[in-house]
Amino acid sequence: MRFANNDPRYRYIVAEGFHIFCPVERSTNTVWHEDNIIMPRINIDGYAMTHAQEYLNDHFFNVNEVIDPARPVQ
């Protein structure tokens, strides 16, 4: 979940000293604000390997070369 920089909930977190946020999402767009930064990180896990295979293949590695076909057990 991402909040606007002026959202009171987000401003509270920044005011408490948290200035670097690294949400897990597919975006890789870093957003700089005057007093904080948002640097998304990409989830590379079994869920992404089965639901976003094309994206992982294009940007990281061939999923079929690393995924274990015996998992998950059906």
PDB file of N, CA and C in Angstrom:
ATOM      1  N   MET A   1       0.848  -1.167   0.000  1.00  0.00           N
ATOM      2  CA  MET A   1       0.000   0.000   0.000  1.00  0.00           C
ATOM      3  C   MET A   1       0.897   1.235   0.000  1.00  0.00           C
ATOM      4  N   ARG A   2       0.544   2.182  -0.798  1.00  0.00           N
ATOM      5  CA  ARG A   2       1.311   3.414  -0.853  1.00  0.00           C
ATOM      6  C   ARG A   2       0.376   4.594  -0.601  1.00  0.00           C
ATOM      7  N   PHE A   3       0.843   5.538   0.203  1.00  0.00           N
ATOM      8  CA  PHE A   3       0.067   6.730   0.520  1.00  0.00           C
ATOM      9  C   PHE A   3       0.675   7.937  -0.183  1.00  0.00           C
ATOM     10  N   ALA A   4      -0.130   8.947  -0.423  1.00  0.00           N
ATOM     11  CA  ALA A   4       0.380  10.206  -0.958  1.00  0.00           C
ATOM     12  C   ALA A   4       1.296  10.846   0.082  1.00  0.00           C
ATOM     13  N   ASN A   5       2.269  11.611  -0.372  1.00  0.00           N
ATOM     14  CA  ASN A   5       3.229  12.226   0.534  1.00  0.00           C
ATOM     15  C   ASN A   5       2.564  13.145   1.556  1.00  0.00           C
ATOM     16  N   ASN A   6       1.407  13.705   1.239  1.00  0.00           N
ATOM     17  CA  ASN A   6       0.725  14.601   2.179  1.00  0.00           C
ATOM     18  C   ASN A   6      -0.359  13.907   3.004  1.00  0.00           C
ATOM     19  N   ASP A   7      -0.487  12.598   2.875  1.00  0.00           N
ATOM     20  CA  ASP A   7      -1.472  11.850   3.659  1.00  0.00           C
ATOM     21  C   ASP A   7      -1.069  11.908   5.138  1.00  0.00           C
ATOM     22  N   PRO A   8      -1.989  12.250   6.041  1.00  0.00           N
ATOM     23  CA  PRO A   8      -1.654  12.367   7.466  1.00  0.00           C
ATOM     24  C   PRO A   8      -1.027  11.098   8.050  1.00  0.00           C
ATOM     25  N   ARG A   9      -1.468   9.946   7.609  1.00  0.00           N
ATOM     26  CA  ARG A   9      -0.890   8.691   8.117  1.00  0.00           C
ATOM     27  C   ARG A   9       0.571   8.575   7.702  1.00  0.00           C
ATOM     28  N   TYR A  10       0.844   8.922   6.466  1.00  0.00           N
ATOM     29  CA  TYR A  10       2.212   8.862   5.953  1.00  0.00           C
ATOM     30  C   TYR A  10       3.086   9.916   6.636  1.00  0.00           C
ATOM     31  N   ARG A  11       2.539  11.116   6.803  1.00  0.00           N
ATOM     32  CA  ARG A  11       3.298  12.190   7.450  1.00  0.00           C
ATOM     33  C   ARG A  11       3.646  11.818   8.884  1.00  0.00           C
ATOM     34  N   TYR A  12       2.762  11.104   9.571  1.00  0.00           N
ATOM     35  CA  TYR A  12       3.043  10.665  10.939  1.00  0.00           C
ATOM     36  C   TYR A  12       4.263   9.748  10.958  1.00  0.00           C
ATOM     37  N   ILE A  13       4.310   8.807  10.041  1.00  0.00           N
ATOM     38  CA  ILE A  13       5.429   7.863   9.986  1.00  0.00           C
ATOM     39  C   ILE A  13       6.736   8.598   9.703  1.00  0.00           C
ATOM     40  N   VAL A  14       6.709   9.538   8.769  1.00  0.00           N
ATOM     41  CA  VAL A  14       7.909  10.324   8.464  1.00  0.00           C
ATOM     42  C   VAL A  14       8.320  11.147   9.682  1.00  0.00           C
ATOM     43  N   ALA A  15       7.356  11.762  10.357  1.00  0.00           N
ATOM     44  CA  ALA A  15       7.655  12.571  11.541  1.00  0.00           C
ATOM     45  C   ALA A  15       8.277  11.743  12.656  1.00  0.00           C
ATOM     46  N   GLU A  16       7.984  10.455  12.691  1.00  0.00           N
ATOM     47  CA  GLU A  16       8.554   9.566  13.704  1.00  0.00           C
ATOM     48  C   GLU A  16       9.959   9.084  13.328  1.00  0.00           C
ATOM     49  N   GLY A  17      10.471   9.535  12.188  1.00  0.00           N
ATOM     50  CA  GLY A  17      11.858   9.242  11.835  1.00  0.00           C
ATOM     51  C   GLY A  17      12.068   8.213  10.749  1.00  0.00           C
ATOM     52  N   PHE A  18      11.006   7.749  10.146  1.00  0.00           N
ATOM     53  CA  PHE A  18      11.135   6.772   9.062  1.00  0.00           C
ATOM     54  C   PHE A  18      11.168   7.528   7.734  1.00  0.00           C
ATOM     55  N   HIS A  19      12.334   7.566   7.093  1.00  0.00           N
ATOM     56  CA  HIS A  19      12.514   8.377   5.890  1.00  0.00           C
ATOM     57  C   HIS A  19      12.760   7.559   4.631  1.00  0.00           C
ATOM     58  N   ILE A  20      12.996   6.279   4.775  1.00  0.00           N
ATOM     59  CA  ILE A  20      13.234   5.415   3.621  1.00  0.00           C
ATOM     60  C   ILE A  20      12.206   4.296   3.658  1.00  0.00           C
ATOM     61  N   PHE A  21      11.448   4.162   2.584  1.00  0.00           N
ATOM     62  CA  PHE A  21      10.406   3.143   2.485  1.00  0.00           C
ATOM     63  C   PHE A  21      10.709   2.248   1.298  1.00  0.00           C
ATOM     64  N   CYS A  22      10.606   0.953   1.504  1.00  0.00           N
ATOM     65  CA  CYS A  22      10.891  -0.022   0.452  1.00  0.00           C
ATOM     66  C   CYS A  22       9.733  -1.009   0.341  1.00  0.00           C
ATOM     67  N   PRO A  23       8.620  -0.575  -0.245  1.00  0.00           N
ATOM     68  CA  PRO A  23       7.490  -1.490  -0.394  1.00  0.00           C
ATOM     69  C   PRO A  23       7.807  -2.586  -1.406  1.00  0.00           C
ATOM     70  N   VAL A  24       7.130  -3.691  -1.287  1.00  0.00           N
ATOM     71  CA  VAL A  24       7.288  -4.789  -2.242  1.00  0.00           C
ATOM     72  C   VAL A  24       6.198  -4.640  -3.292  1.00  0.00           C
ATOM     73  N   GLU A  25       6.614  -4.422  -4.524  1.00  0.00           N
ATOM     74  CA  GLU A  25       5.673  -4.267  -5.629  1.00  0.00           C
ATOM     75  C   GLU A  25       6.429  -4.472  -6.932  1.00  0.00           C
ATOM     76  N   ARG A  26       5.734  -4.441  -8.026  1.00  0.00           N
ATOM     77  CA  ARG A  26       6.382  -4.666  -9.308  1.00  0.00           C
ATOM     78  C   ARG A  26       7.026  -3.415  -9.893  1.00  0.00           C
ATOM     79  N   SER A  27       6.673  -2.274  -9.369  1.00  0.00           N
ATOM     80  CA  SER A  27       7.249  -1.024  -9.858  1.00  0.00           C
ATOM     81  C   SER A  27       8.697  -0.893  -9.391  1.00  0.00           C
ATOM     82  N   THR A  28       9.523  -0.289 -10.207  1.00  0.00           N
ATOM     83  CA  THR A  28      10.901  -0.005  -9.792  1.00  0.00           C
ATOM     84  C   THR A  28      11.156   1.496  -9.824  1.00  0.00           C
ATOM     85  N   ASN A  29      10.101   2.277  -9.786  1.00  0.00           N
ATOM     86  CA  ASN A  29      10.228   3.731  -9.847  1.00  0.00           C
ATOM     87  C   ASN A  29      10.528   4.294  -8.465  1.00  0.00           C
ATOM     88  N   THR A  30      11.731   4.823  -8.287  1.00  0.00           N
ATOM     89  CA  THR A  30      12.104   5.464  -7.038  1.00  0.00           C
ATOM     90  C   THR A  30      11.501   6.861  -7.014  1.00  0.00           C
ATOM     91  N   VAL A  31      10.902   7.214  -5.883  1.00  0.00           N
ATOM     92  CA  VAL A  31      10.266   8.522  -5.731  1.00  0.00           C
ATOM     93  C   VAL A  31      10.986   9.269  -4.614  1.00  0.00           C
ATOM     94  N   TRP A  32      11.534  10.421  -4.947  1.00  0.00           N
ATOM     95  CA  TRP A  32      12.216  11.275  -3.977  1.00  0.00           C
ATOM     96  C   TRP A  32      11.275  12.390  -3.540  1.00  0.00           C
ATOM     97  N   HIS A  33      11.140  12.543  -2.227  1.00  0.00           N
ATOM     98  CA  HIS A  33      10.425  13.681  -1.668  1.00  0.00           C
ATOM     99  C   HIS A  33      11.447  14.492  -0.876  1.00  0.00           C
ATOM    100  N   GLU A  34      11.067  15.651  -0.447  1.00  0.00           N
ATOM    101  CA  GLU A  34      12.002  16.514   0.273  1.00  0.00           C
ATOM    102  C   GLU A  34      12.559  15.841   1.530  1.00  0.00           C
ATOM    103  N   ASP A  35      11.729  15.084   2.237  1.00  0.00           N
ATOM    104  CA  ASP A  35      12.165  14.500   3.509  1.00  0.00           C
ATOM    105  C   ASP A  35      12.039  12.977   3.573  1.00  0.00           C
ATOM    106  N   ASN A  36      11.819  12.320   2.438  1.00  0.00           N
ATOM    107  CA  ASN A  36      11.746  10.859   2.434  1.00  0.00           C
ATOM    108  C   ASN A  36      11.908  10.341   1.014  1.00  0.00           C
ATOM    109  N   ILE A  37      12.125   9.046   0.923  1.00  0.00           N
ATOM    110  CA  ILE A  37      12.301   8.403  -0.375  1.00  0.00           C
ATOM    111  C   ILE A  37      11.548   7.077  -0.373  1.00  0.00           C
ATOM    112  N   ILE A  38      10.976   6.734  -1.513  1.00  0.00           N
ATOM    113  CA  ILE A  38      10.288   5.455  -1.674  1.00  0.00           C
ATOM    114  C   ILE A  38      11.037   4.677  -2.749  1.00  0.00           C
ATOM    115  N   MET A  39      11.578   3.523  -2.367  1.00  0.00           N
ATOM    116  CA  MET A  39      12.355   2.687  -3.279  1.00  0.00           C
ATOM    117  C   MET A  39      11.738   1.291  -3.310  1.00  0.00           C
ATOM    118  N   PRO A  40      10.814   1.046  -4.223  1.00  0.00           N
ATOM    119  CA  PRO A  40      10.168  -0.268  -4.276  1.00  0.00           C
ATOM    120  C   PRO A  40      11.161  -1.387  -4.573  1.00  0.00           C
ATOM    121  N   ARG A  41      10.867  -2.538  -4.041  1.00  0.00           N
ATOM    122  CA  ARG A  41      11.667  -3.727  -4.352  1.00  0.00           C
ATOM    123  C   ARG A  41      10.738  -4.772  -4.934  1.00  0.00           C
ATOM    124  N   ILE A  42      11.263  -5.540  -5.823  1.00  0.00           N
ATOM    125  CA  ILE A  42      10.456  -6.516  -6.553  1.00  0.00           C
ATOM    126  C   ILE A  42      10.479  -7.845  -5.814  1.00  0.00           C
ATOM    127  N   ASN A  43       9.310  -8.421  -5.636  1.00  0.00           N
ATOM    128  CA  ASN A  43       9.240  -9.733  -4.999  1.00  0.00           C
ATOM    129  C   ASN A  43       9.594 -10.805  -6.029  1.00  0.00           C
ATOM    130  N   ILE A  44      10.602 -11.579  -5.697  1.00  0.00           N
ATOM    131  CA  ILE A  44      10.976 -12.719  -6.533  1.00  0.00           C
ATOM    132  C   ILE A  44      10.750 -13.946  -5.662  1.00  0.00           C
ATOM    133  N   ASP A  45       9.555 -14.500  -5.792  1.00  0.00           N
ATOM    134  CA  ASP A  45       9.170 -15.641  -4.970  1.00  0.00           C
ATOM    135  C   ASP A  45       8.317 -16.582  -5.805  1.00  0.00           C
ATOM    136  N   GLY A  46       7.860 -17.635  -5.183  1.00  0.00           N
ATOM    137  CA  GLY A  46       7.064 -18.624  -5.898  1.00  0.00           C
ATOM    138  C   GLY A  46       5.803 -18.042  -6.495  1.00  0.00           C
ATOM    139  N   TYR A  47       5.173 -17.124  -5.780  1.00  0.00           N
ATOM    140  CA  TYR A  47       3.955 -16.501  -6.307  1.00  0.00           C
ATOM    141  C   TYR A  47       4.271 -15.728  -7.585  1.00  0.00           C
ATOM    142  N   ALA A  48       5.314 -14.914  -7.539  1.00  0.00           N
ATOM    143  CA  ALA A  48       5.688 -14.141  -8.724  1.00  0.00           C
ATOM    144  C   ALA A  48       6.101 -15.063  -9.868  1.00  0.00           C
ATOM    145  N   MET A  49       6.767 -16.165  -9.531  1.00  0.00           N
ATOM    146  CA  MET A  49       7.203 -17.092 -10.580  1.00  0.00           C
ATOM    147  C   MET A  49       6.031 -17.766 -11.279  1.00  0.00           C
ATOM    148  N   THR A  50       4.907 -17.900 -10.592  1.00  0.00           N
ATOM    149  CA  THR A  50       3.748 -18.528 -11.225  1.00  0.00           C
ATOM    150  C   THR A  50       2.755 -17.516 -11.785  1.00  0.00           C
ATOM    151  N   HIS A  51       2.753 -16.280 -11.271  1.00  0.00           N
ATOM    152  CA  HIS A  51       1.774 -15.289 -11.719  1.00  0.00           C
ATOM    153  C   HIS A  51       2.376 -14.145 -12.539  1.00  0.00           C
ATOM    154  N   ALA A  52       3.686 -14.012 -12.539  1.00  0.00           N
ATOM    155  CA  ALA A  52       4.337 -12.934 -13.301  1.00  0.00           C
ATOM    156  C   ALA A  52       5.581 -13.475 -14.000  1.00  0.00           C
ATOM    157  N   GLN A  53       5.463 -14.678 -14.518  1.00  0.00           N
ATOM    158  CA  GLN A  53       6.608 -15.354 -15.121  1.00  0.00           C
ATOM    159  C   GLN A  53       7.222 -14.535 -16.256  1.00  0.00           C
ATOM    160  N   GLU A  54       6.400 -13.979 -17.110  1.00  0.00           N
ATOM    161  CA  GLU A  54       6.919 -13.223 -18.254  1.00  0.00           C
ATOM    162  C   GLU A  54       7.748 -12.024 -17.789  1.00  0.00           C
ATOM    163  N   TYR A  55       7.277 -11.332 -16.758  1.00  0.00           N
ATOM    164  CA  TYR A  55       8.005 -10.177 -16.224  1.00  0.00           C
ATOM    165  C   TYR A  55       9.364 -10.605 -15.681  1.00  0.00           C
ATOM    166  N   LEU A  56       9.390 -11.678 -14.901  1.00  0.00           N
ATOM    167  CA  LEU A  56      10.658 -12.164 -14.354  1.00  0.00           C
ATOM    168  C   LEU A  56      11.585 -12.638 -15.464  1.00  0.00           C
ATOM    169  N   ASN A  57      11.036 -13.325 -16.457  1.00  0.00           N
ATOM    170  CA  ASN A  57      11.849 -13.775 -17.590  1.00  0.00           C
ATOM    171  C   ASN A  57      12.481 -12.586 -18.311  1.00  0.00           C
ATOM    172  N   ASP A  58      11.732 -11.533 -18.495  1.00  0.00           N
ATOM    173  CA  ASP A  58      12.224 -10.360 -19.222  1.00  0.00           C
ATOM    174  C   ASP A  58      13.268  -9.570 -18.444  1.00  0.00           C
ATOM    175  N   HIS A  59      13.145  -9.529 -17.117  1.00  0.00           N
ATOM    176  CA  HIS A  59      14.000  -8.642 -16.325  1.00  0.00           C
ATOM    177  C   HIS A  59      15.065  -9.339 -15.478  1.00  0.00           C
ATOM    178  N   PHE A  60      14.909 -10.629 -15.200  1.00  0.00           N
ATOM    179  CA  PHE A  60      15.831 -11.255 -14.264  1.00  0.00           C
ATOM    180  C   PHE A  60      16.425 -12.567 -14.764  1.00  0.00           C
ATOM    181  N   PHE A  61      15.619 -13.573 -14.916  1.00  0.00           N
ATOM    182  CA  PHE A  61      16.113 -14.906 -15.262  1.00  0.00           C
ATOM    183  C   PHE A  61      14.978 -15.713 -15.858  1.00  0.00           C
ATOM    184  N   ASN A  62      15.327 -16.838 -16.445  1.00  0.00           N
ATOM    185  CA  ASN A  62      14.331 -17.743 -17.013  1.00  0.00           C
ATOM    186  C   ASN A  62      13.738 -18.566 -15.874  1.00  0.00           C
ATOM    187  N   VAL A  63      12.503 -18.316 -15.560  1.00  0.00           N
ATOM    188  CA  VAL A  63      11.834 -18.988 -14.445  1.00  0.00           C
ATOM    189  C   VAL A  63      11.863 -20.499 -14.620  1.00  0.00           C
ATOM    190  N   ASN A  64      11.677 -20.982 -15.825  1.00  0.00           N
ATOM    191  CA  ASN A  64      11.644 -22.430 -16.064  1.00  0.00           C
ATOM    192  C   ASN A  64      12.958 -23.117 -15.729  1.00  0.00           C
ATOM    193  N   GLU A  65      14.050 -22.363 -15.681  1.00  0.00           N
ATOM    194  CA  GLU A  65      15.347 -22.945 -15.336  1.00  0.00           C
ATOM    195  C   GLU A  65      15.558 -23.069 -13.829  1.00  0.00           C
ATOM    196  N   VAL A  66      14.766 -22.358 -13.042  1.00  0.00           N
ATOM    197  CA  VAL A  66      14.998 -22.379 -11.593  1.00  0.00           C
ATOM    198  C   VAL A  66      13.828 -22.900 -10.765  1.00  0.00           C
ATOM    199  N   ILE A  67      12.634 -22.891 -11.314  1.00  0.00           N
ATOM    200  CA  ILE A  67      11.476 -23.315 -10.524  1.00  0.00           C
ATOM    201  C   ILE A  67      11.432 -24.843 -10.432  1.00  0.00           C
ATOM    202  N   ASP A  68      11.038 -25.339  -9.301  1.00  0.00           N
ATOM    203  CA  ASP A  68      10.924 -26.778  -9.077  1.00  0.00           C
ATOM    204  C   ASP A  68       9.528 -27.216  -9.519  1.00  0.00           C
ATOM    205  N   PRO A  69       9.420 -28.012 -10.575  1.00  0.00           N
ATOM    206  CA  PRO A  69       8.094 -28.401 -11.076  1.00  0.00           C
ATOM    207  C   PRO A  69       7.299 -29.263 -10.086  1.00  0.00           C
ATOM    208  N   ALA A  70       7.954 -29.810  -9.074  1.00  0.00           N
ATOM    209  CA  ALA A  70       7.257 -30.625  -8.077  1.00  0.00           C
ATOM    210  C   ALA A  70       6.592 -29.762  -7.002  1.00  0.00           C
ATOM    211  N   ARG A  71       6.766 -28.451  -7.069  1.00  0.00           N
ATOM    212  CA  ARG A  71       6.178 -27.560  -6.072  1.00  0.00           C
ATOM    213  C   ARG A  71       5.312 -26.530  -6.749  1.00  0.00           C
ATOM    214  N   PRO A  72       4.289 -26.090  -6.170  1.00  0.00           N
ATOM    215  CA  PRO A  72       3.724 -26.694  -4.968  1.00  0.00           C
ATOM    216  C   PRO A  72       3.029 -28.008  -5.298  1.00  0.00           C
ATOM    217  N   VAL A  73       2.902 -28.829  -4.297  1.00  0.00           N
ATOM    218  CA  VAL A  73       2.229 -30.112  -4.476  1.00  0.00           C
ATOM    219  C   VAL A  73       0.765 -29.829  -4.765  1.00  0.00           C
ATOM    220  N   GLN A  74       0.252 -30.411  -5.813  1.00  0.00           N
ATOM    221  CA  GLN A  74      -1.141 -30.161  -6.210  1.00  0.00           C
ATOM    222  C   GLN A  74      -2.086 -31.099  -5.495  1.00  0.00           C
TER     223      GLN A  74
END
